[in-house]
Amino acid sequence: MKKFIALLTLLVFACVALGAPETNTIPTTALSNEYKTHPISESLTMVEKKVRQAAVKVIRFEGGHGSGSLIKYKGSQFVLTAQHVANGNLGQTYMLQSRSEQKLAVLIYADPLNDIALLYLAKHEHFKRIKPIPFKTVKKIPAVGTKINYSGYPSFHSLLSFRGSIAGYEFERGGGTQIILNVFGWFGSSGSVIYDEYGKIVGVLWGIDVDYYREQINNNIVWVSPIQNLDMDMALRPLCTEIPHLVEACK
């Protein structure tokens, strides 16, 4: 019988749990500033390039990281990620990293049932070197075989981009229908936003399969919370109630 785990956080803990060599157990934050940005391959489609450029690392100050995507909605900028990545109280601050830039964002929405969270970037925290992707979603859960792509920060690696496809669906008690992908996933990939080939959001990556009987991690069976679980206007209500005059999306 297969179960699944959330794709958590800092490499130090992941490597210990998975028995990786001690030489690889370097804190993510220690490596982050050493990464160099390389040209994006011409083999990527225009959509894949935009997805890659909008990907950010979501860093918790208490330790650990996940991934997310910088999006634009009604003139405001947000980062869409998994709730177990941004698992603090509403109003908590997280660090976002992309290339050589680091910005701060505030948790404004958290849905632990569907594992979706939303971080808000004030205007003075907008990135200068990357552009957000317009918040456009698929109208319904796509069919099996639909091509997808995402970019994120698995393990201790710098930004990586992946292609895959929808393999099927599962019904998770309490969480409803979940999308199953045939694509690579690993610790730190949680929160990565899954896009179709047209640049529309399919969902948020939150876990991979684990076969506990065989003690085997199936890192190509990836679980995704459908984007239909997120109502943006409802998610923004608390923020718009507090500071409506400062948030473009509230006007």
Protein backbone atom coordinates (compact mmCIF):
# COMPACT_ATOMS: atom_id res chain seq x y z
CA MET A 1 0.00 0.00 0.00
CA LYS A 2 1.37 3.37 -0.99
CA LYS A 3 1.26 6.46 1.12
CA PHE A 4 2.62 9.93 0.47
CA ILE A 5 4.69 12.55 2.22
CA ALA A 6 4.89 16.30 2.00
CA LEU A 7 8.04 17.49 0.26
CA LEU A 8 9.68 19.33 3.10
CA THR A 9 12.36 21.72 3.43
CA LEU A 10 15.97 22.01 4.35
CA LEU A 11 18.48 19.63 2.82
CA VAL A 12 20.23 19.00 6.12
CA PHE A 13 17.19 17.18 7.47
CA ALA A 14 16.34 15.54 4.15
CA CYS A 15 19.82 14.10 3.72
CA VAL A 16 19.90 12.69 7.22
CA ALA A 17 16.51 11.03 6.75
CA LEU A 18 17.45 9.57 3.37
CA GLY A 19 20.95 8.53 4.31
CA ALA A 20 22.81 10.88 1.99
CA PRO A 21 26.57 11.42 2.45
CA GLU A 22 27.58 13.91 5.08
CA THR A 23 29.50 15.90 2.49
CA ASN A 24 26.17 16.94 0.96
CA THR A 25 24.58 18.11 4.18
CA ILE A 26 25.24 21.80 3.59
CA PRO A 27 22.60 24.30 4.72
CA THR A 28 20.63 25.66 1.79
CA THR A 29 21.24 29.24 2.87
CA ALA A 30 24.98 28.69 2.78
CA LEU A 31 24.83 27.68 -0.86
CA SER A 32 22.23 30.11 -2.11
CA ASN A 33 24.50 33.11 -2.63
CA GLU A 34 27.10 31.03 -4.47
CA TYR A 35 24.81 29.99 -7.29
CA LYS A 36 25.44 31.67 -10.60
CA THR A 37 22.71 32.42 -13.10
CA HIS A 38 23.24 30.67 -16.42
CA PRO A 39 21.54 31.48 -19.73
CA ILE A 40 18.17 29.79 -20.18
CA SER A 41 18.36 27.13 -22.88
CA GLU A 42 16.72 27.89 -26.18
CA SER A 43 15.11 24.46 -25.96
CA LEU A 44 12.63 25.83 -23.43
CA THR A 45 9.36 27.17 -24.80
CA MET A 46 8.37 30.77 -24.14
CA VAL A 47 5.93 29.60 -21.47
CA GLU A 48 8.59 27.47 -19.79
CA LYS A 49 10.98 30.42 -19.75
CA LYS A 50 8.38 32.62 -18.06
CA VAL A 51 7.59 29.88 -15.53
CA ARG A 52 11.27 29.48 -14.75
CA GLN A 53 11.86 33.20 -14.36
CA ALA A 54 8.91 33.55 -11.98
CA ALA A 55 9.99 30.69 -9.70
CA VAL A 56 11.18 31.70 -6.23
CA LYS A 57 12.60 29.92 -3.22
CA VAL A 58 10.42 30.38 -0.13
CA ILE A 59 12.64 30.41 2.96
CA ARG A 60 11.45 30.01 6.53
CA PHE A 61 13.45 31.99 9.07
CA GLU A 62 13.31 29.09 11.51
CA GLY A 63 14.94 26.86 8.89
CA GLY A 64 13.98 25.03 5.73
CA HIS A 65 12.69 26.05 2.33
CA GLY A 66 10.16 25.26 -0.35
CA SER A 67 9.31 26.69 -3.75
CA GLY A 68 6.71 29.05 -5.15
CA SER A 69 5.74 31.14 -8.15
CA LEU A 70 5.53 34.92 -8.41
CA ILE A 71 2.11 35.83 -9.79
CA LYS A 72 0.26 39.04 -10.62
CA TYR A 73 -3.42 39.48 -9.82
CA LYS A 74 -5.33 42.71 -10.44
CA GLY A 75 -2.16 44.78 -10.31
CA SER A 76 -0.72 43.25 -7.11
CA GLN A 77 2.06 40.69 -6.71
CA PHE A 78 1.81 37.47 -4.72
CA VAL A 79 3.65 34.19 -4.34
CA LEU A 80 1.60 31.03 -4.64
CA THR A 81 3.01 28.11 -2.66
CA ALA A 82 2.06 25.17 -0.43
CA GLN A 83 0.64 25.71 3.04
CA HIS A 84 3.09 23.28 4.64
CA VAL A 85 5.91 25.45 3.26
CA ALA A 86 4.43 28.69 4.63
CA ASN A 87 3.04 27.02 7.72
CA GLY A 88 3.06 29.93 10.15
CA ASN A 89 0.30 32.23 11.34
CA LEU A 90 -1.29 34.80 9.07
CA GLY A 91 0.90 37.89 9.04
CA GLN A 92 4.13 35.92 9.37
CA THR A 93 7.01 37.02 7.14
CA TYR A 94 8.96 34.79 4.76
CA MET A 95 12.05 35.43 2.69
CA LEU A 96 11.83 35.01 -1.08
CA GLN A 97 14.94 34.41 -3.13
CA SER A 98 15.45 34.60 -6.87
CA ARG A 99 18.89 34.84 -8.43
CA SER A 100 20.76 37.45 -6.41
CA GLU A 101 17.64 39.16 -5.05
CA GLN A 102 15.99 38.58 -1.70
CA LYS A 103 12.62 40.04 -0.77
CA LEU A 104 10.14 39.73 2.07
CA ALA A 105 6.52 38.63 1.77
CA VAL A 106 3.68 38.26 4.25
CA LEU A 107 1.43 35.23 4.62
CA ILE A 108 -2.14 36.38 3.92
CA TYR A 109 -3.93 33.11 3.16
CA ALA A 110 -3.44 29.52 4.32
CA ASP A 111 -5.54 26.46 3.50
CA PRO A 112 -4.10 23.41 5.32
CA LEU A 113 -6.82 21.11 3.98
CA ASN A 114 -5.84 21.72 0.35
CA ASP A 115 -2.21 22.67 1.14
CA ILE A 116 -2.30 26.04 -0.59
CA ALA A 117 -0.93 29.36 0.69
CA LEU A 118 -0.59 32.89 -0.61
CA LEU A 119 2.12 35.44 0.24
CA TYR A 120 1.76 39.17 -0.47
CA LEU A 121 4.59 41.42 -1.65
CA ALA A 122 4.28 45.11 -0.87
CA LYS A 123 5.34 47.44 -3.69
CA HIS A 124 8.71 48.20 -2.10
CA GLU A 125 9.42 44.43 -2.02
CA HIS A 126 8.84 43.80 -5.73
CA PHE A 127 11.64 42.00 -7.55
CA LYS A 128 13.59 44.04 -10.09
CA ARG A 129 15.04 41.20 -12.17
CA ILE A 130 12.06 38.88 -12.57
CA LYS A 131 8.51 39.38 -13.77
CA PRO A 132 5.39 37.83 -12.25
CA ILE A 133 3.14 35.57 -14.31
CA PRO A 134 -0.46 36.74 -14.74
CA PHE A 135 -2.82 34.66 -12.62
CA LYS A 136 -4.62 32.61 -15.26
CA THR A 137 -5.95 29.19 -14.39
CA VAL A 138 -7.32 26.16 -16.22
CA LYS A 139 -11.12 26.13 -16.16
CA LYS A 140 -11.27 22.53 -14.99
CA ILE A 141 -8.86 19.77 -14.00
CA PRO A 142 -7.05 18.81 -17.21
CA ALA A 143 -7.29 15.40 -18.84
CA VAL A 144 -4.84 12.54 -18.37
CA GLY A 145 -1.90 13.03 -20.71
CA THR A 146 -1.94 16.83 -20.54
CA LYS A 147 1.62 18.20 -20.70
CA ILE A 148 2.78 20.23 -17.72
CA ASN A 149 5.91 22.01 -16.55
CA TYR A 150 7.25 23.62 -13.41
CA SER A 151 10.40 25.15 -11.97
CA GLY A 152 11.54 24.95 -8.36
CA TYR A 153 14.31 24.41 -5.85
CA PRO A 154 14.53 20.71 -4.92
CA SER A 155 17.01 19.70 -2.22
CA PHE A 156 20.20 21.82 -2.20
CA HIS A 157 20.05 22.56 -5.93
CA SER A 158 19.68 25.92 -7.57
CA LEU A 159 16.70 26.53 -9.85
CA LEU A 160 15.68 23.46 -11.88
CA SER A 161 12.98 23.11 -14.55
CA PHE A 162 10.93 19.99 -15.26
CA ARG A 163 8.51 18.66 -17.84
CA GLY A 164 5.93 15.96 -17.31
CA SER A 165 2.30 15.02 -17.78
CA ILE A 166 -0.86 14.32 -15.86
CA ALA A 167 -0.93 10.60 -15.07
CA GLY A 168 -4.26 10.37 -13.26
CA TYR A 169 -6.23 11.37 -10.18
CA GLU A 170 -6.84 10.23 -6.62
CA PHE A 171 -9.54 11.15 -4.14
CA GLU A 172 -8.09 12.24 -0.84
CA ARG A 173 -10.46 12.17 2.11
CA GLY A 174 -11.16 15.76 3.14
CA GLY A 175 -9.09 17.21 0.32
CA GLY A 176 -11.16 16.05 -2.64
CA THR A 177 -9.68 15.19 -6.02
CA GLN A 178 -5.90 15.34 -6.29
CA ILE A 179 -3.90 15.42 -9.52
CA ILE A 180 -1.17 12.82 -9.97
CA LEU A 181 1.75 13.77 -12.21
CA ASN A 182 4.43 11.77 -13.92
CA VAL A 183 7.31 14.16 -13.25
CA PHE A 184 10.26 14.46 -10.88
CA GLY A 185 9.70 15.80 -7.38
CA TRP A 186 11.85 15.98 -4.26
CA PHE A 187 12.32 17.71 -0.92
CA GLY A 188 12.15 21.45 -1.49
CA SER A 189 9.90 21.12 -4.54
CA SER A 190 6.80 21.64 -2.42
CA GLY A 191 4.94 24.79 -3.34
CA SER A 192 6.06 24.71 -6.96
CA VAL A 193 3.23 25.87 -9.19
CA ILE A 194 2.31 23.51 -12.02
CA TYR A 195 1.54 25.11 -15.40
CA ASP A 196 0.14 23.71 -18.62
CA GLU A 197 1.82 24.37 -21.97
CA TYR A 198 -0.24 27.56 -22.39
CA GLY A 199 0.93 29.13 -19.14
CA LYS A 200 -2.25 28.46 -17.18
CA ILE A 201 -2.00 27.29 -13.58
CA VAL A 202 -2.98 23.66 -13.00
CA GLY A 203 -2.25 23.41 -9.28
CA VAL A 204 0.29 23.44 -6.44
CA LEU A 205 2.75 20.60 -5.87
CA TRP A 206 2.64 19.22 -2.33
CA GLY A 207 3.87 15.62 -2.13
CA ILE A 208 5.36 12.44 -3.57
CA ASP A 209 4.55 8.76 -3.13
CA VAL A 210 6.26 6.67 -0.49
CA ASP A 211 6.03 2.89 -0.31
CA TYR A 212 6.69 2.25 3.38
CA TYR A 213 6.68 -1.53 3.01
CA ARG A 214 9.51 -1.45 0.51
CA GLU A 215 11.07 1.65 2.06
CA GLN A 216 11.06 3.26 -1.35
CA ILE A 217 10.38 6.85 -2.40
CA ASN A 218 8.66 7.10 -5.77
CA ASN A 219 9.92 10.50 -6.80
CA ASN A 220 8.20 10.43 -10.19
CA ILE A 221 4.70 10.09 -8.73
CA VAL A 222 3.86 13.62 -7.66
CA TRP A 223 0.72 14.89 -5.92
CA VAL A 224 -0.83 18.25 -6.80
CA SER A 225 -3.66 20.24 -5.25
CA PRO A 226 -5.87 21.53 -8.11
CA ILE A 227 -5.99 25.31 -8.52
CA GLN A 228 -9.80 25.07 -8.35
CA ASN A 229 -9.27 24.79 -4.58
CA LEU A 230 -8.22 28.46 -4.50
CA ASP A 231 -10.69 31.34 -4.71
CA MET A 232 -8.45 34.39 -5.08
CA ASP A 233 -11.03 37.01 -4.17
CA MET A 234 -11.98 35.10 -1.03
CA ALA A 235 -8.30 34.61 -0.17
CA LEU A 236 -7.72 38.37 -0.39
CA ARG A 237 -10.61 39.42 1.85
CA PRO A 238 -8.59 39.61 5.11
CA LEU A 239 -5.88 41.66 3.39
CA CYS A 240 -8.39 43.96 1.70
CA THR A 241 -10.19 44.47 4.99
CA GLU A 242 -6.98 45.61 6.71
CA ILE A 243 -5.25 47.77 4.09
CA PRO A 244 -7.52 48.15 1.04
CA HIS A 245 -6.01 51.50 0.05
CA LEU A 246 -2.50 50.01 -0.26
CA VAL A 247 -3.32 46.92 -2.32
CA GLU A 248 -4.12 47.31 -6.01
CA ALA A 249 -6.01 44.01 -6.10
CA CYS A 250 -8.46 45.39 -3.51
CA LYS A 251 -9.45 48.45 -5.52
